[in-house]
Amino acid sequence: MGLISEFKEFLKEYKVIGLAVALIIGLASVALINSVVNNLIMPILTPFIPGGGWQTATLTIGPIVIGWGALLGAIINFIIIAFVVFLISKYALKEEKVTKK
């Protein structure tokens, strides 16, 4: 039983259950943000993209084809996720900025 009790202590000490819950909620929020970007934000931006299709918008330089439309969608996803993480951490931590000693 020593190994099982050590494992239980490990789970408690490192708060693994809380981390698992946070991971699941994080994955669900990423799916939600992807949907918001793909189905709400990018259709609004589509009229401003040459060719009209943001997912297939490309820039061709000789033999190089850069898919900048999909990149733009990924950048918007990243900015939204980073901002949400910032807001959550600011609210959850409620700590003042660390100052130099």
PDB file of N, CA and C in Angstrom:
ATOM      1  N   MET A   1       0.817  -1.206   0.000  1.00  0.00           N
ATOM      2  CA  MET A   1       0.000   0.000   0.000  1.00  0.00           C
ATOM      3  C   MET A   1       0.856   1.265   0.000  1.00  0.00           C
ATOM      4  N   GLY A   2       2.150   1.115   0.200  1.00  0.00           N
ATOM      5  CA  GLY A   2       3.017   2.276   0.239  1.00  0.00           C
ATOM      6  C   GLY A   2       3.032   3.047  -1.065  1.00  0.00           C
ATOM      7  N   LEU A   3       3.037   2.342  -2.177  1.00  0.00           N
ATOM      8  CA  LEU A   3       3.071   2.986  -3.482  1.00  0.00           C
ATOM      9  C   LEU A   3       1.773   3.739  -3.754  1.00  0.00           C
ATOM     10  N   ILE A   4       0.654   3.153  -3.371  1.00  0.00           N
ATOM     11  CA  ILE A   4      -0.636   3.807  -3.595  1.00  0.00           C
ATOM     12  C   ILE A   4      -0.753   5.057  -2.734  1.00  0.00           C
ATOM     13  N   SER A   5      -0.320   4.976  -1.482  1.00  0.00           N
ATOM     14  CA  SER A   5      -0.395   6.161  -0.623  1.00  0.00           C
ATOM     15  C   SER A   5       0.557   7.258  -1.120  1.00  0.00           C
ATOM     16  N   GLU A   6       1.726   6.877  -1.631  1.00  0.00           N
ATOM     17  CA  GLU A   6       2.634   7.873  -2.215  1.00  0.00           C
ATOM     18  C   GLU A   6       2.007   8.534  -3.431  1.00  0.00           C
ATOM     19  N   PHE A   7       1.306   7.736  -4.238  1.00  0.00           N
ATOM     20  CA  PHE A   7       0.643   8.283  -5.425  1.00  0.00           C
ATOM     21  C   PHE A   7      -0.464   9.260  -5.020  1.00  0.00           C
ATOM     22  N   LYS A   8      -1.247   8.906  -4.001  1.00  0.00           N
ATOM     23  CA  LYS A   8      -2.294   9.806  -3.514  1.00  0.00           C
ATOM     24  C   LYS A   8      -1.683  11.107  -2.993  1.00  0.00           C
ATOM     25  N   GLU A   9      -0.580  10.986  -2.278  1.00  0.00           N
ATOM     26  CA  GLU A   9       0.108  12.174  -1.768  1.00  0.00           C
ATOM     27  C   GLU A   9       0.619  13.040  -2.916  1.00  0.00           C
ATOM     28  N   PHE A  10       1.136  12.402  -3.951  1.00  0.00           N
ATOM     29  CA  PHE A  10       1.588  13.121  -5.142  1.00  0.00           C
ATOM     30  C   PHE A  10       0.438  13.904  -5.770  1.00  0.00           C
ATOM     31  N   LEU A  11      -0.715  13.245  -5.912  1.00  0.00           N
ATOM     32  CA  LEU A  11      -1.884  13.907  -6.498  1.00  0.00           C
ATOM     33  C   LEU A  11      -2.306  15.112  -5.672  1.00  0.00           C
ATOM     34  N   LYS A  12      -2.256  14.974  -4.353  1.00  0.00           N
ATOM     35  CA  LYS A  12      -2.648  16.081  -3.478  1.00  0.00           C
ATOM     36  C   LYS A  12      -1.608  17.196  -3.493  1.00  0.00           C
ATOM     37  N   GLU A  13      -0.338  16.832  -3.425  1.00  0.00           N
ATOM     38  CA  GLU A  13       0.721  17.832  -3.325  1.00  0.00           C
ATOM     39  C   GLU A  13       0.806  18.711  -4.569  1.00  0.00           C
ATOM     40  N   TYR A  14       0.696  18.083  -5.728  1.00  0.00           N
ATOM     41  CA  TYR A  14       0.838  18.837  -6.973  1.00  0.00           C
ATOM     42  C   TYR A  14      -0.495  19.239  -7.580  1.00  0.00           C
ATOM     43  N   LYS A  15      -1.581  18.986  -6.859  1.00  0.00           N
ATOM     44  CA  LYS A  15      -2.920  19.409  -7.279  1.00  0.00           C
ATOM     45  C   LYS A  15      -3.210  18.975  -8.710  1.00  0.00           C
ATOM     46  N   VAL A  16      -2.976  17.705  -8.996  1.00  0.00           N
ATOM     47  CA  VAL A  16      -3.108  17.169 -10.343  1.00  0.00           C
ATOM     48  C   VAL A  16      -4.555  17.215 -10.812  1.00  0.00           C
ATOM     49  N   ILE A  17      -5.502  16.984  -9.912  1.00  0.00           N
ATOM     50  CA  ILE A  17      -6.911  17.003 -10.304  1.00  0.00           C
ATOM     51  C   ILE A  17      -7.298  18.407 -10.770  1.00  0.00           C
ATOM     52  N   GLY A  18      -6.859  19.417 -10.052  1.00  0.00           N
ATOM     53  CA  GLY A  18      -7.135  20.793 -10.463  1.00  0.00           C
ATOM     54  C   GLY A  18      -6.513  21.124 -11.808  1.00  0.00           C
ATOM     55  N   LEU A  19      -5.302  20.626 -12.030  1.00  0.00           N
ATOM     56  CA  LEU A  19      -4.647  20.847 -13.320  1.00  0.00           C
ATOM     57  C   LEU A  19      -5.406  20.157 -14.445  1.00  0.00           C
ATOM     58  N   ALA A  20      -5.919  18.956 -14.174  1.00  0.00           N
ATOM     59  CA  ALA A  20      -6.683  18.232 -15.195  1.00  0.00           C
ATOM     60  C   ALA A  20      -7.967  18.984 -15.533  1.00  0.00           C
ATOM     61  N   VAL A  21      -8.641  19.498 -14.527  1.00  0.00           N
ATOM     62  CA  VAL A  21      -9.859  20.275 -14.764  1.00  0.00           C
ATOM     63  C   VAL A  21      -9.531  21.536 -15.561  1.00  0.00           C
ATOM     64  N   ALA A  22      -8.448  22.203 -15.211  1.00  0.00           N
ATOM     65  CA  ALA A  22      -8.046  23.413 -15.939  1.00  0.00           C
ATOM     66  C   ALA A  22      -7.714  23.094 -17.391  1.00  0.00           C
ATOM     67  N   LEU A  23      -7.066  21.965 -17.629  1.00  0.00           N
ATOM     68  CA  LEU A  23      -6.746  21.560 -18.992  1.00  0.00           C
ATOM     69  C   LEU A  23      -8.011  21.315 -19.806  1.00  0.00           C
ATOM     70  N   ILE A  24      -8.971  20.628 -19.227  1.00  0.00           N
ATOM     71  CA  ILE A  24     -10.223  20.345 -19.934  1.00  0.00           C
ATOM     72  C   ILE A  24     -10.975  21.636 -20.236  1.00  0.00           C
ATOM     73  N   ILE A  25     -11.051  22.527 -19.272  1.00  0.00           N
ATOM     74  CA  ILE A  25     -11.726  23.811 -19.494  1.00  0.00           C
ATOM     75  C   ILE A  25     -10.965  24.632 -20.532  1.00  0.00           C
ATOM     76  N   GLY A  26      -9.640  24.588 -20.484  1.00  0.00           N
ATOM     77  CA  GLY A  26      -8.831  25.304 -21.475  1.00  0.00           C
ATOM     78  C   GLY A  26      -9.066  24.792 -22.881  1.00  0.00           C
ATOM     79  N   LEU A  27      -9.132  23.472 -23.043  1.00  0.00           N
ATOM     80  CA  LEU A  27      -9.389  22.910 -24.367  1.00  0.00           C
ATOM     81  C   LEU A  27     -10.773  23.299 -24.873  1.00  0.00           C
ATOM     82  N   ALA A  28     -11.753  23.290 -23.982  1.00  0.00           N
ATOM     83  CA  ALA A  28     -13.102  23.690 -24.381  1.00  0.00           C
ATOM     84  C   ALA A  28     -13.143  25.164 -24.766  1.00  0.00           C
ATOM     85  N   SER A  29     -12.414  26.006 -24.033  1.00  0.00           N
ATOM     86  CA  SER A  29     -12.412  27.431 -24.366  1.00  0.00           C
ATOM     87  C   SER A  29     -11.694  27.696 -25.684  1.00  0.00           C
ATOM     88  N   VAL A  30     -10.652  26.918 -25.983  1.00  0.00           N
ATOM     89  CA  VAL A  30      -9.968  27.069 -27.270  1.00  0.00           C
ATOM     90  C   VAL A  30     -10.925  26.731 -28.411  1.00  0.00           C
ATOM     91  N   ALA A  31     -11.707  25.664 -28.252  1.00  0.00           N
ATOM     92  CA  ALA A  31     -12.688  25.301 -29.280  1.00  0.00           C
ATOM     93  C   ALA A  31     -13.730  26.407 -29.435  1.00  0.00           C
ATOM     94  N   LEU A  32     -14.160  26.996 -28.334  1.00  0.00           N
ATOM     95  CA  LEU A  32     -15.132  28.088 -28.385  1.00  0.00           C
ATOM     96  C   LEU A  32     -14.544  29.312 -29.080  1.00  0.00           C
ATOM     97  N   ILE A  33     -13.318  29.659 -28.741  1.00  0.00           N
ATOM     98  CA  ILE A  33     -12.684  30.827 -29.357  1.00  0.00           C
ATOM     99  C   ILE A  33     -12.435  30.587 -30.840  1.00  0.00           C
ATOM    100  N   ASN A  34     -12.013  29.376 -31.209  1.00  0.00           N
ATOM    101  CA  ASN A  34     -11.861  29.058 -32.630  1.00  0.00           C
ATOM    102  C   ASN A  34     -13.170  29.240 -33.369  1.00  0.00           C
ATOM    103  N   SER A  35     -14.262  28.810 -32.781  1.00  0.00           N
ATOM    104  CA  SER A  35     -15.564  28.964 -33.415  1.00  0.00           C
ATOM    105  C   SER A  35     -15.953  30.433 -33.553  1.00  0.00           C
ATOM    106  N   VAL A  36     -15.689  31.220 -32.509  1.00  0.00           N
ATOM    107  CA  VAL A  36     -16.008  32.657 -32.570  1.00  0.00           C
ATOM    108  C   VAL A  36     -15.202  33.326 -33.680  1.00  0.00           C
ATOM    109  N   VAL A  37     -13.917  33.006 -33.762  1.00  0.00           N
ATOM    110  CA  VAL A  37     -13.080  33.619 -34.793  1.00  0.00           C
ATOM    111  C   VAL A  37     -13.518  33.168 -36.185  1.00  0.00           C
ATOM    112  N   ASN A  38     -13.704  31.856 -36.369  1.00  0.00           N
ATOM    113  CA  ASN A  38     -14.032  31.327 -37.692  1.00  0.00           C
ATOM    114  C   ASN A  38     -15.435  31.690 -38.156  1.00  0.00           C
ATOM    115  N   ASN A  39     -16.388  31.782 -37.231  1.00  0.00           N
ATOM    116  CA  ASN A  39     -17.777  31.974 -37.629  1.00  0.00           C
ATOM    117  C   ASN A  39     -18.338  33.359 -37.364  1.00  0.00           C
ATOM    118  N   LEU A  40     -17.609  34.186 -36.633  1.00  0.00           N
ATOM    119  CA  LEU A  40     -18.106  35.520 -36.329  1.00  0.00           C
ATOM    120  C   LEU A  40     -17.148  36.617 -36.791  1.00  0.00           C
ATOM    121  N   ILE A  41     -15.910  36.550 -36.368  1.00  0.00           N
ATOM    122  CA  ILE A  41     -14.966  37.633 -36.671  1.00  0.00           C
ATOM    123  C   ILE A  41     -14.498  37.583 -38.123  1.00  0.00           C
ATOM    124  N   MET A  42     -14.053  36.420 -38.572  1.00  0.00           N
ATOM    125  CA  MET A  42     -13.496  36.339 -39.927  1.00  0.00           C
ATOM    126  C   MET A  42     -14.544  36.588 -41.026  1.00  0.00           C
ATOM    127  N   PRO A  43     -15.806  36.156 -40.884  1.00  0.00           N
ATOM    128  CA  PRO A  43     -16.786  36.534 -41.916  1.00  0.00           C
ATOM    129  C   PRO A  43     -16.997  38.042 -42.023  1.00  0.00           C
ATOM    130  N   ILE A  44     -16.825  38.747 -40.904  1.00  0.00           N
ATOM    131  CA  ILE A  44     -16.926  40.213 -40.955  1.00  0.00           C
ATOM    132  C   ILE A  44     -15.736  40.793 -41.707  1.00  0.00           C
ATOM    133  N   LEU A  45     -14.549  40.186 -41.541  1.00  0.00           N
ATOM    134  CA  LEU A  45     -13.345  40.675 -42.216  1.00  0.00           C
ATOM    135  C   LEU A  45     -13.241  40.215 -43.670  1.00  0.00           C
ATOM    136  N   THR A  46     -14.007  39.201 -44.057  1.00  0.00           N
ATOM    137  CA  THR A  46     -13.900  38.624 -45.404  1.00  0.00           C
ATOM    138  C   THR A  46     -14.085  39.639 -46.530  1.00  0.00           C
ATOM    139  N   PRO A  47     -15.024  40.589 -46.444  1.00  0.00           N
ATOM    140  CA  PRO A  47     -15.150  41.558 -47.546  1.00  0.00           C
ATOM    141  C   PRO A  47     -13.904  42.410 -47.767  1.00  0.00           C
ATOM    142  N   PHE A  48     -13.056  42.517 -46.762  1.00  0.00           N
ATOM    143  CA  PHE A  48     -11.846  43.326 -46.877  1.00  0.00           C
ATOM    144  C   PHE A  48     -10.643  42.528 -47.368  1.00  0.00           C
ATOM    145  N   ILE A  49     -10.829  41.211 -47.528  1.00  0.00           N
ATOM    146  CA  ILE A  49      -9.741  40.346 -47.980  1.00  0.00           C
ATOM    147  C   ILE A  49      -9.871  40.151 -49.486  1.00  0.00           C
ATOM    148  N   PRO A  50      -8.809  40.418 -50.247  1.00  0.00           N
ATOM    149  CA  PRO A  50      -8.882  40.223 -51.697  1.00  0.00           C
ATOM    150  C   PRO A  50      -9.227  38.771 -52.033  1.00  0.00           C
ATOM    151  N   GLY A  51     -10.215  38.596 -52.891  1.00  0.00           N
ATOM    152  CA  GLY A  51     -10.637  37.258 -53.264  1.00  0.00           C
ATOM    153  C   GLY A  51     -11.794  36.760 -52.419  1.00  0.00           C
ATOM    154  N   GLY A  52     -11.997  37.334 -51.239  1.00  0.00           N
ATOM    155  CA  GLY A  52     -13.155  37.027 -50.430  1.00  0.00           C
ATOM    156  C   GLY A  52     -13.056  35.814 -49.527  1.00  0.00           C
ATOM    157  N   GLY A  53     -12.151  34.883 -49.777  1.00  0.00           N
ATOM    158  CA  GLY A  53     -12.069  33.697 -48.932  1.00  0.00           C
ATOM    159  C   GLY A  53     -10.901  33.782 -47.980  1.00  0.00           C
ATOM    160  N   TRP A  54     -11.170  34.022 -46.714  1.00  0.00           N
ATOM    161  CA  TRP A  54     -10.079  34.237 -45.763  1.00  0.00           C
ATOM    162  C   TRP A  54      -9.269  32.980 -45.513  1.00  0.00           C
ATOM    163  N   GLN A  55      -9.899  31.812 -45.566  1.00  0.00           N
ATOM    164  CA  GLN A  55      -9.161  30.575 -45.308  1.00  0.00           C
ATOM    165  C   GLN A  55      -8.233  30.210 -46.460  1.00  0.00           C
ATOM    166  N   THR A  56      -8.578  30.662 -47.646  1.00  0.00           N
ATOM    167  CA  THR A  56      -7.763  30.320 -48.818  1.00  0.00           C
ATOM    168  C   THR A  56      -6.965  31.501 -49.356  1.00  0.00           C
ATOM    169  N   ALA A  57      -6.988  32.633 -48.662  1.00  0.00           N
ATOM    170  CA  ALA A  57      -6.247  33.801 -49.119  1.00  0.00           C
ATOM    171  C   ALA A  57      -4.752  33.504 -49.068  1.00  0.00           C
ATOM    172  N   THR A  58      -4.086  33.711 -50.186  1.00  0.00           N
ATOM    173  CA  THR A  58      -2.655  33.418 -50.274  1.00  0.00           C
ATOM    174  C   THR A  58      -1.908  34.576 -50.901  1.00  0.00           C
ATOM    175  N   LEU A  59      -0.626  34.579 -50.679  1.00  0.00           N
ATOM    176  CA  LEU A  59       0.289  35.523 -51.312  1.00  0.00           C
ATOM    177  C   LEU A  59       1.311  34.678 -52.051  1.00  0.00           C
ATOM    178  N   THR A  60       1.398  34.874 -53.366  1.00  0.00           N
ATOM    179  CA  THR A  60       2.309  34.077 -54.180  1.00  0.00           C
ATOM    180  C   THR A  60       3.492  34.932 -54.602  1.00  0.00           C
ATOM    181  N   ILE A  61       4.687  34.475 -54.245  1.00  0.00           N
ATOM    182  CA  ILE A  61       5.930  35.134 -54.641  1.00  0.00           C
ATOM    183  C   ILE A  61       6.756  34.093 -55.365  1.00  0.00           C
ATOM    184  N   GLY A  62       6.661  34.084 -56.681  1.00  0.00           N
ATOM    185  CA  GLY A  62       7.357  33.066 -57.467  1.00  0.00           C
ATOM    186  C   GLY A  62       6.823  31.693 -57.114  1.00  0.00           C
ATOM    187  N   PRO A  63       7.688  30.779 -56.734  1.00  0.00           N
ATOM    188  CA  PRO A  63       7.230  29.437 -56.382  1.00  0.00           C
ATOM    189  C   PRO A  63       6.735  29.311 -54.930  1.00  0.00           C
ATOM    190  N   ILE A  64       6.847  30.401 -54.167  1.00  0.00           N
ATOM    191  CA  ILE A  64       6.458  30.377 -52.752  1.00  0.00           C
ATOM    192  C   ILE A  64       5.016  30.841 -52.613  1.00  0.00           C
ATOM    193  N   VAL A  65       4.210  30.033 -51.920  1.00  0.00           N
ATOM    194  CA  VAL A  65       2.810  30.383 -51.658  1.00  0.00           C
ATOM    195  C   VAL A  65       2.628  30.473 -50.146  1.00  0.00           C
ATOM    196  N   ILE A  66       2.250  31.665 -49.695  1.00  0.00           N
ATOM    197  CA  ILE A  66       2.051  31.901 -48.267  1.00  0.00           C
ATOM    198  C   ILE A  66       0.560  32.005 -47.996  1.00  0.00           C
ATOM    199  N   GLY A  67       0.037  31.136 -47.131  1.00  0.00           N
ATOM    200  CA  GLY A  67      -1.382  31.160 -46.772  1.00  0.00           C
ATOM    201  C   GLY A  67      -1.630  32.152 -45.650  1.00  0.00           C
ATOM    202  N   TRP A  68      -1.737  33.406 -45.994  1.00  0.00           N
ATOM    203  CA  TRP A  68      -1.835  34.451 -44.982  1.00  0.00           C
ATOM    204  C   TRP A  68      -3.232  34.550 -44.382  1.00  0.00           C
ATOM    205  N   GLY A  69      -4.241  34.067 -45.070  1.00  0.00           N
ATOM    206  CA  GLY A  69      -5.597  34.108 -44.529  1.00  0.00           C
ATOM    207  C   GLY A  69      -5.729  33.214 -43.308  1.00  0.00           C
ATOM    208  N   ALA A  70      -5.269  31.975 -43.420  1.00  0.00           N
ATOM    209  CA  ALA A  70      -5.304  31.055 -42.293  1.00  0.00           C
ATOM    210  C   ALA A  70      -4.389  31.551 -41.172  1.00  0.00           C
ATOM    211  N   LEU A  71      -3.256  32.149 -41.531  1.00  0.00           N
ATOM    212  CA  LEU A  71      -2.348  32.715 -40.540  1.00  0.00           C
ATOM    213  C   LEU A  71      -3.026  33.852 -39.776  1.00  0.00           C
ATOM    214  N   LEU A  72      -3.764  34.696 -40.476  1.00  0.00           N
ATOM    215  CA  LEU A  72      -4.483  35.792 -39.827  1.00  0.00           C
ATOM    216  C   LEU A  72      -5.495  35.248 -38.826  1.00  0.00           C
ATOM    217  N   GLY A  73      -6.218  34.191 -39.206  1.00  0.00           N
ATOM    218  CA  GLY A  73      -7.161  33.566 -38.289  1.00  0.00           C
ATOM    219  C   GLY A  73      -6.468  33.017 -37.052  1.00  0.00           C
ATOM    220  N   ALA A  74      -5.309  32.378 -37.244  1.00  0.00           N
ATOM    221  CA  ALA A  74      -4.554  31.827 -36.116  1.00  0.00           C
ATOM    222  C   ALA A  74      -4.027  32.940 -35.210  1.00  0.00           C
ATOM    223  N   ILE A  75      -3.606  34.052 -35.789  1.00  0.00           N
ATOM    224  CA  ILE A  75      -3.113  35.181 -34.998  1.00  0.00           C
ATOM    225  C   ILE A  75      -4.246  35.775 -34.152  1.00  0.00           C
ATOM    226  N   ILE A  76      -5.427  35.910 -34.745  1.00  0.00           N
ATOM    227  CA  ILE A  76      -6.570  36.431 -33.991  1.00  0.00           C
ATOM    228  C   ILE A  76      -6.933  35.465 -32.862  1.00  0.00           C
ATOM    229  N   ASN A  77      -6.919  34.161 -33.142  1.00  0.00           N
ATOM    230  CA  ASN A  77      -7.159  33.165 -32.087  1.00  0.00           C
ATOM    231  C   ASN A  77      -6.172  33.350 -30.945  1.00  0.00           C
ATOM    232  N   PHE A  78      -4.895  33.470 -31.271  1.00  0.00           N
ATOM    233  CA  PHE A  78      -3.855  33.611 -30.255  1.00  0.00           C
ATOM    234  C   PHE A  78      -4.074  34.866 -29.414  1.00  0.00           C
ATOM    235  N   ILE A  79      -4.375  35.976 -30.051  1.00  0.00           N
ATOM    236  CA  ILE A  79      -4.572  37.233 -29.327  1.00  0.00           C
ATOM    237  C   ILE A  79      -5.750  37.121 -28.366  1.00  0.00           C
ATOM    238  N   ILE A  80      -6.844  36.525 -28.826  1.00  0.00           N
ATOM    239  CA  ILE A  80      -8.016  36.382 -27.960  1.00  0.00           C
ATOM    240  C   ILE A  80      -7.700  35.458 -26.785  1.00  0.00           C
ATOM    241  N   ILE A  81      -7.057  34.324 -27.056  1.00  0.00           N
ATOM    242  CA  ILE A  81      -6.728  33.377 -25.989  1.00  0.00           C
ATOM    243  C   ILE A  81      -5.758  34.008 -24.992  1.00  0.00           C
ATOM    244  N   ALA A  82      -4.751  34.716 -25.493  1.00  0.00           N
ATOM    245  CA  ALA A  82      -3.791  35.367 -24.599  1.00  0.00           C
ATOM    246  C   ALA A  82      -4.478  36.418 -23.736  1.00  0.00           C
ATOM    247  N   PHE A  83      -5.410  37.159 -24.304  1.00  0.00           N
ATOM    248  CA  PHE A  83      -6.129  38.176 -23.543  1.00  0.00           C
ATOM    249  C   PHE A  83      -7.021  37.544 -22.478  1.00  0.00           C
ATOM    250  N   VAL A  84      -7.699  36.452 -22.834  1.00  0.00           N
ATOM    251  CA  VAL A  84      -8.542  35.758 -21.860  1.00  0.00           C
ATOM    252  C   VAL A  84      -7.698  35.185 -20.723  1.00  0.00           C
ATOM    253  N   VAL A  85      -6.555  34.587 -21.051  1.00  0.00           N
ATOM    254  CA  VAL A  85      -5.663  34.064 -20.009  1.00  0.00           C
ATOM    255  C   VAL A  85      -5.171  35.202 -19.116  1.00  0.00           C
ATOM    256  N   PHE A  86      -4.853  36.340 -19.711  1.00  0.00           N
ATOM    257  CA  PHE A  86      -4.432  37.510 -18.936  1.00  0.00           C
ATOM    258  C   PHE A  86      -5.523  37.948 -17.970  1.00  0.00           C
ATOM    259  N   LEU A  87      -6.767  38.030 -18.463  1.00  0.00           N
ATOM    260  CA  LEU A  87      -7.869  38.458 -17.599  1.00  0.00           C
ATOM    261  C   LEU A  87      -8.115  37.461 -16.470  1.00  0.00           C
ATOM    262  N   ILE A  88      -8.072  36.173 -16.796  1.00  0.00           N
ATOM    263  CA  ILE A  88      -8.293  35.151 -15.774  1.00  0.00           C
ATOM    264  C   ILE A  88      -7.190  35.202 -14.721  1.00  0.00           C
ATOM    265  N   SER A  89      -5.942  35.307 -15.158  1.00  0.00           N
ATOM    266  CA  SER A  89      -4.850  35.337 -14.192  1.00  0.00           C
ATOM    267  C   SER A  89      -4.888  36.610 -13.354  1.00  0.00           C
ATOM    268  N   LYS A  90      -5.252  37.705 -13.965  1.00  0.00           N
ATOM    269  CA  LYS A  90      -5.342  38.964 -13.215  1.00  0.00           C
ATOM    270  C   LYS A  90      -6.446  38.866 -12.165  1.00  0.00           C
ATOM    271  N   TYR A  91      -7.573  38.280 -12.548  1.00  0.00           N
ATOM    272  CA  TYR A  91      -8.683  38.140 -11.609  1.00  0.00           C
ATOM    273  C   TYR A  91      -8.378  37.088 -10.545  1.00  0.00           C
ATOM    274  N   ALA A  92      -7.813  35.953 -10.945  1.00  0.00           N
ATOM    275  CA  ALA A  92      -7.585  34.850 -10.017  1.00  0.00           C
ATOM    276  C   ALA A  92      -6.447  35.157  -9.043  1.00  0.00           C
ATOM    277  N   LEU A  93      -5.392  35.768  -9.510  1.00  0.00           N
ATOM    278  CA  LEU A  93      -4.243  36.003  -8.641  1.00  0.00           C
ATOM    279  C   LEU A  93      -4.433  37.217  -7.738  1.00  0.00           C
ATOM    280  N   LYS A  94      -4.995  38.268  -8.290  1.00  0.00           N
ATOM    281  CA  LYS A  94      -5.229  39.516  -7.553  1.00  0.00           C
ATOM    282  C   LYS A  94      -4.002  39.950  -6.765  1.00  0.00           C
ATOM    283  N   GLU A  95      -2.859  39.807  -7.374  1.00  0.00           N
ATOM    284  CA  GLU A  95      -1.624  40.221  -6.717  1.00  0.00           C
ATOM    285  C   GLU A  95      -1.095  41.475  -7.398  1.00  0.00           C
ATOM    286  N   GLU A  96      -0.419  42.263  -6.625  1.00  0.00           N
ATOM    287  CA  GLU A  96       0.208  43.442  -7.192  1.00  0.00           C
ATOM    288  C   GLU A  96       1.467  43.026  -7.933  1.00  0.00           C
ATOM    289  N   LYS A  97       1.900  43.889  -8.825  1.00  0.00           N
ATOM    290  CA  LYS A  97       3.108  43.609  -9.577  1.00  0.00           C
ATOM    291  C   LYS A  97       4.303  43.455  -8.637  1.00  0.00           C
ATOM    292  N   VAL A  98       5.200  42.575  -9.005  1.00  0.00           N
ATOM    293  CA  VAL A  98       6.407  42.354  -8.209  1.00  0.00           C
ATOM    294  C   VAL A  98       7.360  43.506  -8.473  1.00  0.00           C
ATOM    295  N   THR A  99       7.899  44.066  -7.407  1.00  0.00           N
ATOM    296  CA  THR A  99       8.854  45.158  -7.567  1.00  0.00           C
ATOM    297  C   THR A  99      10.237  44.665  -7.207  1.00  0.00           C
ATOM    298  N   LYS A 100      11.229  45.335  -7.753  1.00  0.00           N
ATOM    299  CA  LYS A 100      12.625  44.976  -7.445  1.00  0.00           C
ATOM    300  C   LYS A 100      12.948  45.394  -6.031  1.00  0.00           C
ATOM    301  N   LYS A 101      13.793  44.586  -5.407  1.00  0.00           N
ATOM    302  CA  LYS A 101      14.207  44.912  -4.033  1.00  0.00           C
ATOM    303  C   LYS A 101      15.474  45.712  -4.052  1.00  0.00           C
TER     304      LYS A 101
END
